[in-house]
Amino acid sequence: MTLSVGGIDEAGRGPVVGPLVLAVVVGDSEALSKIGVRDSKSLSPRAREVLYGKILEMAVCVNYAVVEPYEIDLHVSRGMLNALEMKYAAKLMELCPADLYYVDSPDVKAARFGDGLSFLTGRRVVSLHKGEAVPQVAAASIVAKVVRDRLVEMLRKEVGDFGSGYPSDRKTREWLRGGRIPHECVRWSWETVGKLFK
């Protein structure tokens, strides 16, 4: 019997604007490698879109979770952002069952995150830094990035070009100071956002 393998990754952990998206992909390593999956950050938006379609066609299971800024703020205020990611990763594992999961770890101690997720779900988990080397994780990173980019683009169509959404971006800072980004779309718990209004 062939071991079924899943991968979990996220997109949008750092920006101050928009949601965090986590995704899971369960599928065949060789087949995913053949279509050219790799870390979403190394791909152009067009290439990600093309691969996204191929992943949906060939994977055994694909799913994602969108975590809105208000929930991120709630957990950041308690110093529990990694716990939030763990909670949603566990939910995705329920939605896409597999024998083994590889997870790109948000924790500086990768094994700690994997052990916690394994304890929470009762499933086999290997947590890695640079987990996108595993085809299923790379595929999950593409799914998460495409979904998040689409959501952010919808926001841009609604309010205009606010830049990258990162606090280091001058345009983003100007839009935040001007109150031109809807309150519910901003992560107010980010220290860099607080400094803008001092």
N, C-alpha and C. Protein backbone atom coordinates (compact mmCIF):
# COMPACT_ATOMS: atom_id res chain seq x y z
N MET A 1 0.84 -1.19 0.00
CA MET A 1 0.00 0.00 0.00
C MET A 1 0.89 1.26 0.00
N THR A 2 0.57 2.19 -0.90
CA THR A 2 1.36 3.42 -1.01
C THR A 2 1.01 4.39 0.11
N LEU A 3 2.03 4.98 0.67
CA LEU A 3 1.84 5.97 1.74
C LEU A 3 1.31 7.26 1.14
N SER A 4 0.20 7.77 1.67
CA SER A 4 -0.32 9.05 1.20
C SER A 4 0.37 10.17 1.97
N VAL A 5 0.79 11.19 1.23
CA VAL A 5 1.58 12.28 1.83
C VAL A 5 0.92 13.62 1.56
N GLY A 6 0.86 14.43 2.62
CA GLY A 6 0.30 15.78 2.50
C GLY A 6 1.35 16.81 2.85
N GLY A 7 1.15 18.01 2.34
CA GLY A 7 2.03 19.13 2.66
C GLY A 7 1.21 20.33 3.08
N ILE A 8 1.72 21.10 4.03
CA ILE A 8 1.02 22.29 4.52
C ILE A 8 1.97 23.48 4.52
N ASP A 9 1.48 24.61 4.02
CA ASP A 9 2.28 25.83 4.04
C ASP A 9 1.33 27.02 4.12
N GLU A 10 1.92 28.21 4.33
CA GLU A 10 1.10 29.42 4.45
C GLU A 10 1.62 30.52 3.54
N ALA A 11 0.79 31.54 3.37
CA ALA A 11 1.18 32.75 2.65
C ALA A 11 0.60 33.95 3.39
N GLY A 12 1.41 34.99 3.52
CA GLY A 12 0.90 36.22 4.12
C GLY A 12 1.10 36.34 5.61
N ARG A 13 2.15 35.76 6.15
CA ARG A 13 2.38 35.88 7.59
C ARG A 13 2.89 37.29 7.95
N GLY A 14 3.67 37.91 7.07
CA GLY A 14 4.32 39.16 7.39
C GLY A 14 3.60 40.46 7.11
N PRO A 15 2.75 40.55 6.09
CA PRO A 15 2.10 41.83 5.75
C PRO A 15 1.20 42.35 6.86
N VAL A 16 0.95 43.67 6.83
CA VAL A 16 0.02 44.26 7.80
C VAL A 16 -1.39 44.36 7.22
N VAL A 17 -1.51 44.12 5.92
CA VAL A 17 -2.81 44.22 5.25
C VAL A 17 -3.20 42.85 4.71
N GLY A 18 -4.44 42.48 4.95
CA GLY A 18 -4.97 41.24 4.37
C GLY A 18 -4.83 40.03 5.27
N PRO A 19 -5.40 38.90 4.82
CA PRO A 19 -5.43 37.69 5.63
C PRO A 19 -4.15 36.87 5.53
N LEU A 20 -4.07 35.92 6.42
CA LEU A 20 -3.10 34.84 6.36
C LEU A 20 -3.82 33.66 5.74
N VAL A 21 -3.21 32.97 4.80
CA VAL A 21 -3.84 31.81 4.16
C VAL A 21 -2.96 30.59 4.36
N LEU A 22 -3.55 29.51 4.85
CA LEU A 22 -2.85 28.23 4.97
C LEU A 22 -3.49 27.26 3.99
N ALA A 23 -2.67 26.38 3.41
CA ALA A 23 -3.20 25.41 2.45
C ALA A 23 -2.60 24.04 2.70
N VAL A 24 -3.34 23.02 2.28
CA VAL A 24 -2.87 21.64 2.34
C VAL A 24 -3.04 21.01 0.97
N VAL A 25 -2.07 20.21 0.57
CA VAL A 25 -2.15 19.44 -0.67
C VAL A 25 -1.71 18.02 -0.36
N VAL A 26 -2.55 17.06 -0.73
CA VAL A 26 -2.21 15.64 -0.63
C VAL A 26 -2.10 15.12 -2.06
N GLY A 27 -0.97 14.53 -2.38
CA GLY A 27 -0.78 14.05 -3.74
C GLY A 27 0.52 13.30 -3.90
N ASP A 28 0.77 12.85 -5.11
CA ASP A 28 1.95 12.05 -5.42
C ASP A 28 3.17 12.94 -5.62
N SER A 29 4.24 12.64 -4.94
CA SER A 29 5.46 13.45 -4.99
C SER A 29 6.02 13.56 -6.41
N GLU A 30 6.11 12.43 -7.09
CA GLU A 30 6.69 12.42 -8.43
C GLU A 30 5.85 13.22 -9.41
N ALA A 31 4.55 13.04 -9.34
CA ALA A 31 3.65 13.76 -10.26
C ALA A 31 3.71 15.26 -10.02
N LEU A 32 3.76 15.67 -8.76
CA LEU A 32 3.85 17.10 -8.43
C LEU A 32 5.19 17.68 -8.89
N SER A 33 6.25 16.91 -8.71
CA SER A 33 7.57 17.37 -9.16
C SER A 33 7.61 17.54 -10.67
N LYS A 34 6.96 16.64 -11.39
CA LYS A 34 6.96 16.69 -12.86
C LYS A 34 6.31 17.95 -13.41
N ILE A 35 5.31 18.46 -12.71
CA ILE A 35 4.67 19.68 -13.22
C ILE A 35 5.42 20.94 -12.81
N GLY A 36 6.46 20.76 -11.99
CA GLY A 36 7.35 21.89 -11.69
C GLY A 36 7.03 22.68 -10.44
N VAL A 37 6.36 22.05 -9.46
CA VAL A 37 6.07 22.80 -8.22
C VAL A 37 7.36 23.13 -7.49
N ARG A 38 7.43 24.31 -6.94
CA ARG A 38 8.53 24.74 -6.08
C ARG A 38 8.03 25.90 -5.24
N ASP A 39 8.89 26.42 -4.39
CA ASP A 39 8.50 27.51 -3.50
C ASP A 39 7.80 28.61 -4.29
N SER A 40 6.61 28.98 -3.85
CA SER A 40 5.80 29.97 -4.59
C SER A 40 6.53 31.30 -4.77
N LYS A 41 7.40 31.63 -3.82
CA LYS A 41 8.11 32.92 -3.89
C LYS A 41 9.09 32.98 -5.07
N SER A 42 9.47 31.80 -5.59
CA SER A 42 10.41 31.77 -6.71
C SER A 42 9.71 31.76 -8.06
N LEU A 43 8.38 31.85 -8.04
CA LEU A 43 7.58 31.79 -9.27
C LEU A 43 6.92 33.12 -9.57
N SER A 44 6.72 33.40 -10.83
CA SER A 44 5.97 34.60 -11.22
C SER A 44 4.49 34.39 -10.93
N PRO A 45 3.71 35.47 -10.79
CA PRO A 45 2.27 35.31 -10.57
C PRO A 45 1.60 34.44 -11.63
N ARG A 46 1.98 34.62 -12.89
CA ARG A 46 1.40 33.82 -13.98
C ARG A 46 1.73 32.34 -13.81
N ALA A 47 3.00 32.05 -13.50
CA ALA A 47 3.42 30.65 -13.31
C ALA A 47 2.67 30.02 -12.15
N ARG A 48 2.46 30.79 -11.08
CA ARG A 48 1.71 30.27 -9.93
C ARG A 48 0.27 29.92 -10.34
N GLU A 49 -0.35 30.79 -11.10
CA GLU A 49 -1.73 30.54 -11.54
C GLU A 49 -1.82 29.27 -12.38
N VAL A 50 -0.87 29.09 -13.30
CA VAL A 50 -0.87 27.89 -14.15
C VAL A 50 -0.70 26.63 -13.30
N LEU A 51 0.27 26.67 -12.38
CA LEU A 51 0.51 25.51 -11.52
C LEU A 51 -0.67 25.25 -10.58
N TYR A 52 -1.29 26.31 -10.12
CA TYR A 52 -2.47 26.18 -9.25
C TYR A 52 -3.54 25.32 -9.94
N GLY A 53 -3.81 25.62 -11.20
CA GLY A 53 -4.79 24.85 -11.95
C GLY A 53 -4.39 23.39 -12.09
N LYS A 54 -3.11 23.16 -12.35
CA LYS A 54 -2.62 21.78 -12.50
C LYS A 54 -2.70 21.02 -11.18
N ILE A 55 -2.38 21.70 -10.09
CA ILE A 55 -2.44 21.07 -8.77
C ILE A 55 -3.88 20.64 -8.46
N LEU A 56 -4.84 21.52 -8.75
CA LEU A 56 -6.24 21.18 -8.49
C LEU A 56 -6.69 19.97 -9.32
N GLU A 57 -6.15 19.85 -10.51
CA GLU A 57 -6.53 18.73 -11.39
C GLU A 57 -5.96 17.40 -10.92
N MET A 58 -4.73 17.40 -10.41
CA MET A 58 -4.04 16.14 -10.18
C MET A 58 -3.92 15.70 -8.72
N ALA A 59 -4.08 16.62 -7.79
CA ALA A 59 -3.91 16.25 -6.37
C ALA A 59 -5.07 15.40 -5.88
N VAL A 60 -4.79 14.59 -4.89
CA VAL A 60 -5.84 13.77 -4.26
C VAL A 60 -6.78 14.66 -3.46
N CYS A 61 -6.22 15.65 -2.79
CA CYS A 61 -7.02 16.58 -1.99
C CYS A 61 -6.30 17.92 -1.88
N VAL A 62 -7.07 18.99 -2.01
CA VAL A 62 -6.55 20.35 -1.85
C VAL A 62 -7.57 21.14 -1.02
N ASN A 63 -7.08 21.88 -0.05
CA ASN A 63 -7.98 22.75 0.71
C ASN A 63 -7.17 23.90 1.30
N TYR A 64 -7.87 24.91 1.77
CA TYR A 64 -7.19 26.06 2.36
C TYR A 64 -8.06 26.70 3.42
N ALA A 65 -7.43 27.51 4.26
CA ALA A 65 -8.13 28.26 5.30
C ALA A 65 -7.67 29.70 5.24
N VAL A 66 -8.62 30.62 5.37
CA VAL A 66 -8.34 32.05 5.36
C VAL A 66 -8.49 32.58 6.78
N VAL A 67 -7.41 33.15 7.32
CA VAL A 67 -7.43 33.68 8.69
C VAL A 67 -7.44 35.20 8.61
N GLU A 68 -8.53 35.79 9.06
CA GLU A 68 -8.70 37.24 8.92
C GLU A 68 -7.87 38.02 9.95
N PRO A 69 -7.56 39.30 9.64
CA PRO A 69 -6.72 40.10 10.53
C PRO A 69 -7.18 40.17 11.99
N TYR A 70 -8.50 40.22 12.23
CA TYR A 70 -8.96 40.34 13.62
C TYR A 70 -8.56 39.12 14.44
N GLU A 71 -8.57 37.93 13.82
CA GLU A 71 -8.19 36.72 14.55
C GLU A 71 -6.67 36.68 14.74
N ILE A 72 -5.94 37.17 13.75
CA ILE A 72 -4.49 37.27 13.89
C ILE A 72 -4.16 38.20 15.04
N ASP A 73 -4.83 39.37 15.10
CA ASP A 73 -4.59 40.34 16.17
C ASP A 73 -4.84 39.73 17.54
N LEU A 74 -5.91 38.97 17.65
CA LEU A 74 -6.27 38.35 18.92
C LEU A 74 -5.16 37.42 19.41
N HIS A 75 -4.58 36.66 18.52
CA HIS A 75 -3.53 35.71 18.90
C HIS A 75 -2.18 36.39 19.09
N VAL A 76 -1.89 37.41 18.28
CA VAL A 76 -0.63 38.12 18.44
C VAL A 76 -0.58 38.82 19.79
N SER A 77 -1.71 39.36 20.21
CA SER A 77 -1.76 40.05 21.51
C SER A 77 -1.45 39.10 22.67
N ARG A 78 -1.64 37.81 22.44
CA ARG A 78 -1.34 36.81 23.46
C ARG A 78 -0.02 36.09 23.18
N GLY A 79 0.68 36.52 22.13
CA GLY A 79 1.94 35.87 21.76
C GLY A 79 1.74 34.46 21.25
N MET A 80 0.63 34.25 20.53
CA MET A 80 0.27 32.89 20.13
C MET A 80 0.04 32.74 18.62
N LEU A 81 0.82 33.45 17.81
CA LEU A 81 0.63 33.35 16.36
C LEU A 81 0.94 31.93 15.85
N ASN A 82 1.97 31.31 16.39
CA ASN A 82 2.28 29.93 15.98
C ASN A 82 1.16 28.97 16.37
N ALA A 83 0.55 29.22 17.53
CA ALA A 83 -0.57 28.38 17.97
C ALA A 83 -1.76 28.53 17.03
N LEU A 84 -1.96 29.75 16.51
CA LEU A 84 -3.03 29.98 15.55
C LEU A 84 -2.78 29.18 14.28
N GLU A 85 -1.55 29.21 13.79
CA GLU A 85 -1.22 28.43 12.59
C GLU A 85 -1.40 26.94 12.85
N MET A 86 -1.04 26.50 14.04
CA MET A 86 -1.19 25.09 14.38
C MET A 86 -2.66 24.68 14.37
N LYS A 87 -3.51 25.56 14.89
CA LYS A 87 -4.94 25.27 14.93
C LYS A 87 -5.51 25.07 13.52
N TYR A 88 -5.13 25.96 12.63
CA TYR A 88 -5.65 25.86 11.26
C TYR A 88 -5.01 24.72 10.48
N ALA A 89 -3.74 24.44 10.75
CA ALA A 89 -3.10 23.29 10.11
C ALA A 89 -3.81 22.00 10.51
N ALA A 90 -4.19 21.91 11.78
CA ALA A 90 -4.92 20.72 12.27
C ALA A 90 -6.27 20.59 11.57
N LYS A 91 -6.96 21.71 11.35
CA LYS A 91 -8.25 21.67 10.66
C LYS A 91 -8.08 21.19 9.22
N LEU A 92 -7.01 21.66 8.57
CA LEU A 92 -6.76 21.25 7.19
C LEU A 92 -6.43 19.76 7.10
N MET A 93 -5.75 19.25 8.12
CA MET A 93 -5.44 17.82 8.14
C MET A 93 -6.70 16.98 8.27
N GLU A 94 -7.68 17.50 8.97
CA GLU A 94 -8.97 16.80 9.06
C GLU A 94 -9.67 16.77 7.71
N LEU A 95 -9.54 17.88 6.97
CA LEU A 95 -10.22 17.99 5.67
C LEU A 95 -9.53 17.17 4.58
N CYS A 96 -8.22 17.00 4.69
CA CYS A 96 -7.45 16.25 3.70
C CYS A 96 -6.61 15.18 4.40
N PRO A 97 -7.21 14.03 4.70
CA PRO A 97 -6.49 12.99 5.43
C PRO A 97 -5.31 12.42 4.63
N ALA A 98 -4.23 12.12 5.33
CA ALA A 98 -3.04 11.48 4.74
C ALA A 98 -2.33 10.68 5.82
N ASP A 99 -1.43 9.80 5.38
CA ASP A 99 -0.68 8.99 6.34
C ASP A 99 0.45 9.79 7.00
N LEU A 100 0.96 10.77 6.26
CA LEU A 100 2.09 11.55 6.73
C LEU A 100 1.98 12.97 6.19
N TYR A 101 2.31 13.95 7.03
CA TYR A 101 2.29 15.36 6.60
C TYR A 101 3.66 16.00 6.79
N TYR A 102 4.07 16.75 5.79
CA TYR A 102 5.22 17.63 5.91
C TYR A 102 4.69 19.05 6.04
N VAL A 103 5.23 19.78 7.00
CA VAL A 103 4.74 21.13 7.28
C VAL A 103 5.91 22.11 7.28
N ASP A 104 5.74 23.24 6.60
CA ASP A 104 6.75 24.29 6.68
C ASP A 104 6.57 24.99 8.02
N SER A 105 7.58 24.92 8.87
CA SER A 105 7.42 25.37 10.26
C SER A 105 7.56 26.88 10.42
N PRO A 106 6.61 27.51 11.12
CA PRO A 106 6.75 28.93 11.47
C PRO A 106 7.57 29.12 12.74
N ASP A 107 7.80 28.02 13.45
CA ASP A 107 8.53 28.07 14.72
C ASP A 107 10.03 28.00 14.46
N VAL A 108 10.82 28.76 15.21
CA VAL A 108 12.28 28.69 15.06
C VAL A 108 12.78 27.28 15.39
N LYS A 109 12.05 26.58 16.25
CA LYS A 109 12.35 25.18 16.53
C LYS A 109 11.34 24.34 15.76
N ALA A 110 11.73 23.90 14.59
CA ALA A 110 10.80 23.20 13.70
C ALA A 110 10.17 21.98 14.36
N ALA A 111 10.98 21.21 15.07
CA ALA A 111 10.48 19.98 15.70
C ALA A 111 9.39 20.28 16.73
N ARG A 112 9.51 21.40 17.43
CA ARG A 112 8.51 21.77 18.44
C ARG A 112 7.14 21.95 17.79
N PHE A 113 7.11 22.62 16.64
CA PHE A 113 5.84 22.83 15.95
C PHE A 113 5.27 21.49 15.47
N GLY A 114 6.13 20.66 14.90
CA GLY A 114 5.67 19.36 14.41
C GLY A 114 5.17 18.46 15.52
N ASP A 115 5.88 18.46 16.64
CA ASP A 115 5.47 17.63 17.78
C ASP A 115 4.12 18.09 18.32
N GLY A 116 3.93 19.42 18.39
CA GLY A 116 2.67 19.96 18.88
C GLY A 116 1.51 19.60 17.97
N LEU A 117 1.75 19.69 16.67
CA LEU A 117 0.70 19.37 15.70
C LEU A 117 0.38 17.88 15.71
N SER A 118 1.40 17.07 15.86
CA SER A 118 1.20 15.62 15.94
C SER A 118 0.41 15.26 17.19
N PHE A 119 0.73 15.90 18.31
CA PHE A 119 0.01 15.66 19.57
C PHE A 119 -1.46 16.08 19.44
N LEU A 120 -1.68 17.22 18.77
CA LEU A 120 -3.03 17.76 18.61
C LEU A 120 -3.90 16.88 17.72
N THR A 121 -3.31 16.29 16.69
CA THR A 121 -4.09 15.56 15.68
C THR A 121 -3.97 14.04 15.76
N GLY A 122 -2.92 13.57 16.42
CA GLY A 122 -2.68 12.13 16.45
C GLY A 122 -2.12 11.59 15.14
N ARG A 123 -1.64 12.49 14.28
CA ARG A 123 -1.12 12.08 12.97
C ARG A 123 0.40 12.24 12.90
N ARG A 124 1.00 11.57 11.93
CA ARG A 124 2.44 11.67 11.73
C ARG A 124 2.76 12.99 11.04
N VAL A 125 3.64 13.77 11.65
CA VAL A 125 3.98 15.09 11.12
C VAL A 125 5.50 15.28 11.15
N VAL A 126 6.02 15.76 10.03
CA VAL A 126 7.42 16.17 9.96
C VAL A 126 7.42 17.66 9.67
N SER A 127 7.96 18.44 10.60
CA SER A 127 7.98 19.90 10.46
C SER A 127 9.39 20.35 10.08
N LEU A 128 9.48 21.18 9.05
CA LEU A 128 10.76 21.57 8.49
C LEU A 128 10.86 23.06 8.28
N HIS A 129 12.09 23.58 8.31
CA HIS A 129 12.35 24.90 7.77
C HIS A 129 12.68 24.69 6.29
N LYS A 130 12.23 25.62 5.45
CA LYS A 130 12.38 25.47 3.99
C LYS A 130 11.73 24.17 3.54
N GLY A 131 10.53 23.95 4.04
CA GLY A 131 9.79 22.73 3.73
C GLY A 131 9.37 22.61 2.28
N GLU A 132 9.48 23.73 1.52
CA GLU A 132 9.07 23.71 0.12
C GLU A 132 9.93 22.77 -0.73
N ALA A 133 11.00 22.23 -0.15
CA ALA A 133 11.79 21.22 -0.84
C ALA A 133 10.97 19.94 -1.03
N VAL A 134 9.93 19.77 -0.22
CA VAL A 134 9.01 18.63 -0.35
C VAL A 134 7.92 19.04 -1.35
N PRO A 135 7.68 18.26 -2.40
CA PRO A 135 6.71 18.67 -3.44
C PRO A 135 5.33 19.04 -2.91
N GLN A 136 4.83 18.29 -1.94
CA GLN A 136 3.49 18.59 -1.42
C GLN A 136 3.47 19.94 -0.70
N VAL A 137 4.54 20.28 0.00
CA VAL A 137 4.62 21.58 0.68
C VAL A 137 4.74 22.69 -0.35
N ALA A 138 5.56 22.46 -1.38
CA ALA A 138 5.69 23.45 -2.45
C ALA A 138 4.34 23.71 -3.11
N ALA A 139 3.59 22.63 -3.35
CA ALA A 139 2.26 22.77 -3.95
C ALA A 139 1.33 23.55 -3.03
N ALA A 140 1.41 23.27 -1.72
CA ALA A 140 0.58 23.99 -0.75
C ALA A 140 0.96 25.47 -0.71
N SER A 141 2.25 25.75 -0.86
CA SER A 141 2.69 27.16 -0.85
C SER A 141 2.12 27.90 -2.05
N ILE A 142 2.02 27.23 -3.19
CA ILE A 142 1.44 27.83 -4.39
C ILE A 142 -0.05 28.09 -4.21
N VAL A 143 -0.76 27.11 -3.68
CA VAL A 143 -2.20 27.27 -3.44
C VAL A 143 -2.46 28.42 -2.48
N ALA A 144 -1.72 28.46 -1.38
CA ALA A 144 -1.91 29.52 -0.39
C ALA A 144 -1.62 30.89 -0.98
N LYS A 145 -0.55 30.98 -1.76
CA LYS A 145 -0.16 32.27 -2.34
C LYS A 145 -1.17 32.75 -3.37
N VAL A 146 -1.65 31.85 -4.23
CA VAL A 146 -2.63 32.24 -5.25
C VAL A 146 -3.93 32.70 -4.60
N VAL A 147 -4.40 31.95 -3.62
CA VAL A 147 -5.65 32.33 -2.93
C VAL A 147 -5.49 33.69 -2.27
N ARG A 148 -4.38 33.89 -1.57
CA ARG A 148 -4.17 35.17 -0.88
C ARG A 148 -4.04 36.32 -1.89
N ASP A 149 -3.28 36.11 -2.95
CA ASP A 149 -3.12 37.16 -3.96
C ASP A 149 -4.47 37.57 -4.56
N ARG A 150 -5.33 36.59 -4.77
CA ARG A 150 -6.66 36.90 -5.33
C ARG A 150 -7.48 37.73 -4.35
N LEU A 151 -7.40 37.40 -3.08
CA LEU A 151 -8.15 38.15 -2.06
C LEU A 151 -7.62 39.58 -1.95
N VAL A 152 -6.31 39.72 -1.98
CA VAL A 152 -5.70 41.06 -1.89
C VAL A 152 -6.04 41.89 -3.13
N GLU A 153 -6.07 41.22 -4.29
CA GLU A 153 -6.42 41.93 -5.52
C GLU A 153 -7.87 42.43 -5.48
N MET A 154 -8.75 41.64 -4.88
CA MET A 154 -10.14 42.08 -4.71
C MET A 154 -10.19 43.34 -3.86
N LEU A 155 -9.37 43.40 -2.81
CA LEU A 155 -9.32 44.57 -1.94
C LEU A 155 -8.78 45.78 -2.72
N ARG A 156 -7.75 45.55 -3.55
CA ARG A 156 -7.21 46.65 -4.35
C ARG A 156 -8.26 47.22 -5.32
N LYS A 157 -9.05 46.34 -5.89
CA LYS A 157 -10.09 46.80 -6.82
C LYS A 157 -11.13 47.65 -6.09
N GLU A 158 -11.30 47.36 -4.81
CA GLU A 158 -12.28 48.09 -4.00
C GLU A 158 -11.77 49.44 -3.54
N VAL A 159 -10.49 49.49 -3.10
CA VAL A 159 -9.99 50.72 -2.46
C VAL A 159 -8.87 51.42 -3.23
N GLY A 160 -8.22 50.73 -4.17
CA GLY A 160 -7.10 51.32 -4.89
C GLY A 160 -5.78 50.66 -4.53
N ASP A 161 -4.71 51.14 -5.15
CA ASP A 161 -3.39 50.55 -4.97
C ASP A 161 -2.72 51.05 -3.69
N PHE A 162 -2.68 50.17 -2.68
CA PHE A 162 -2.08 50.54 -1.40
C PHE A 162 -0.67 49.96 -1.26
N GLY A 163 -0.08 49.55 -2.39
CA GLY A 163 1.27 49.01 -2.36
C GLY A 163 1.29 47.53 -2.01
N SER A 164 2.40 47.11 -1.44
CA SER A 164 2.61 45.69 -1.18
C SER A 164 1.84 45.15 0.03
N GLY A 165 1.45 46.06 0.92
CA GLY A 165 0.80 45.62 2.16
C GLY A 165 1.76 45.39 3.29
N TYR A 166 3.07 45.59 3.03
CA TYR A 166 4.09 45.45 4.08
C TYR A 166 4.38 46.81 4.71
N PRO A 167 4.68 46.84 5.99
CA PRO A 167 4.93 48.11 6.68
C PRO A 167 6.18 48.83 6.19
N SER A 168 7.08 48.12 5.52
CA SER A 168 8.29 48.74 4.97
C SER A 168 8.01 49.53 3.69
N ASP A 169 6.81 49.33 3.12
CA ASP A 169 6.43 49.98 1.87
C ASP A 169 5.86 51.37 2.15
N ARG A 170 6.49 52.40 1.58
CA ARG A 170 6.06 53.79 1.83
C ARG A 170 4.60 54.01 1.43
N LYS A 171 4.20 53.44 0.29
CA LYS A 171 2.82 53.62 -0.17
C LYS A 171 1.83 52.99 0.82
N THR A 172 2.17 51.81 1.31
CA THR A 172 1.30 51.15 2.30
C THR A 172 1.18 52.01 3.55
N ARG A 173 2.30 52.55 4.03
CA ARG A 173 2.27 53.40 5.23
C ARG A 173 1.39 54.63 5.01
N GLU A 174 1.49 55.24 3.84
CA GLU A 174 0.69 56.43 3.54
C GLU A 174 -0.80 56.10 3.53
N TRP A 175 -1.15 54.97 2.95
CA TRP A 175 -2.56 54.56 2.91
C TRP A 175 -3.09 54.24 4.30
N LEU A 176 -2.25 53.64 5.13
CA LEU A 176 -2.66 53.34 6.50
C LEU A 176 -2.88 54.63 7.28
N ARG A 177 -1.93 55.55 7.18
CA ARG A 177 -2.07 56.84 7.89
C ARG A 177 -3.29 57.61 7.41
N GLY A 178 -3.60 57.50 6.13
CA GLY A 178 -4.73 58.22 5.56
C GLY A 178 -6.07 57.55 5.82
N GLY A 179 -6.04 56.38 6.44
CA GLY A 179 -7.28 55.67 6.74
C GLY A 179 -8.02 55.16 5.51
N ARG A 180 -7.26 54.91 4.44
CA ARG A 180 -7.90 54.52 3.19
C ARG A 180 -8.02 53.00 3.00
N ILE A 181 -7.50 52.25 3.96
CA ILE A 181 -7.67 50.80 3.93
C ILE A 181 -8.70 50.43 5.00
N PRO A 182 -9.74 49.65 4.64
CA PRO A 182 -10.77 49.29 5.63
C PRO A 182 -10.16 48.75 6.92
N HIS A 183 -10.69 49.21 8.03
CA HIS A 183 -10.16 48.85 9.35
C HIS A 183 -10.03 47.34 9.53
N GLU A 184 -11.02 46.60 9.04
CA GLU A 184 -11.04 45.15 9.25
C GLU A 184 -10.00 44.41 8.39
N CYS A 185 -9.35 45.11 7.49
CA CYS A 185 -8.34 44.49 6.61
C CYS A 185 -6.92 44.70 7.12
N VAL A 186 -6.78 45.36 8.27
CA VAL A 186 -5.45 45.71 8.79
C VAL A 186 -5.15 44.93 10.08
N ARG A 187 -3.91 44.51 10.22
CA ARG A 187 -3.46 43.83 11.45
C ARG A 187 -2.93 44.90 12.41
N TRP A 188 -3.80 45.38 13.26
CA TRP A 188 -3.45 46.48 14.15
C TRP A 188 -2.48 46.08 15.25
N SER A 189 -2.33 44.79 15.48
CA SER A 189 -1.41 44.32 16.52
C SER A 189 0.05 44.39 16.09
N TRP A 190 0.29 44.59 14.80
CA TRP A 190 1.67 44.67 14.32
C TRP A 190 2.33 45.92 14.92
N GLU A 191 3.46 45.74 15.54
CA GLU A 191 4.16 46.85 16.19
C GLU A 191 4.45 47.99 15.21
N THR A 192 4.78 47.62 13.99
CA THR A 192 5.10 48.62 12.97
C THR A 192 3.90 49.50 12.63
N VAL A 193 2.69 48.95 12.75
CA VAL A 193 1.47 49.74 12.50
C VAL A 193 1.26 50.73 13.63
N GLY A 194 1.45 50.27 14.87
CA GLY A 194 1.30 51.16 16.02
C GLY A 194 2.22 52.36 15.95
N LYS A 195 3.44 52.14 15.46
CA LYS A 195 4.42 53.24 15.38
C LYS A 195 4.00 54.32 14.39
N LEU A 196 3.20 53.95 13.39
CA LEU A 196 2.76 54.92 12.38
C LEU A 196 1.87 56.00 12.97
N PHE A 197 1.20 55.66 14.07
CA PHE A 197 0.21 56.59 14.62
C PHE A 197 0.67 57.24 15.92
N LYS A 198 1.96 57.12 16.23
CA LYS A 198 2.49 57.75 17.44
C LYS A 198 2.87 59.20 17.14
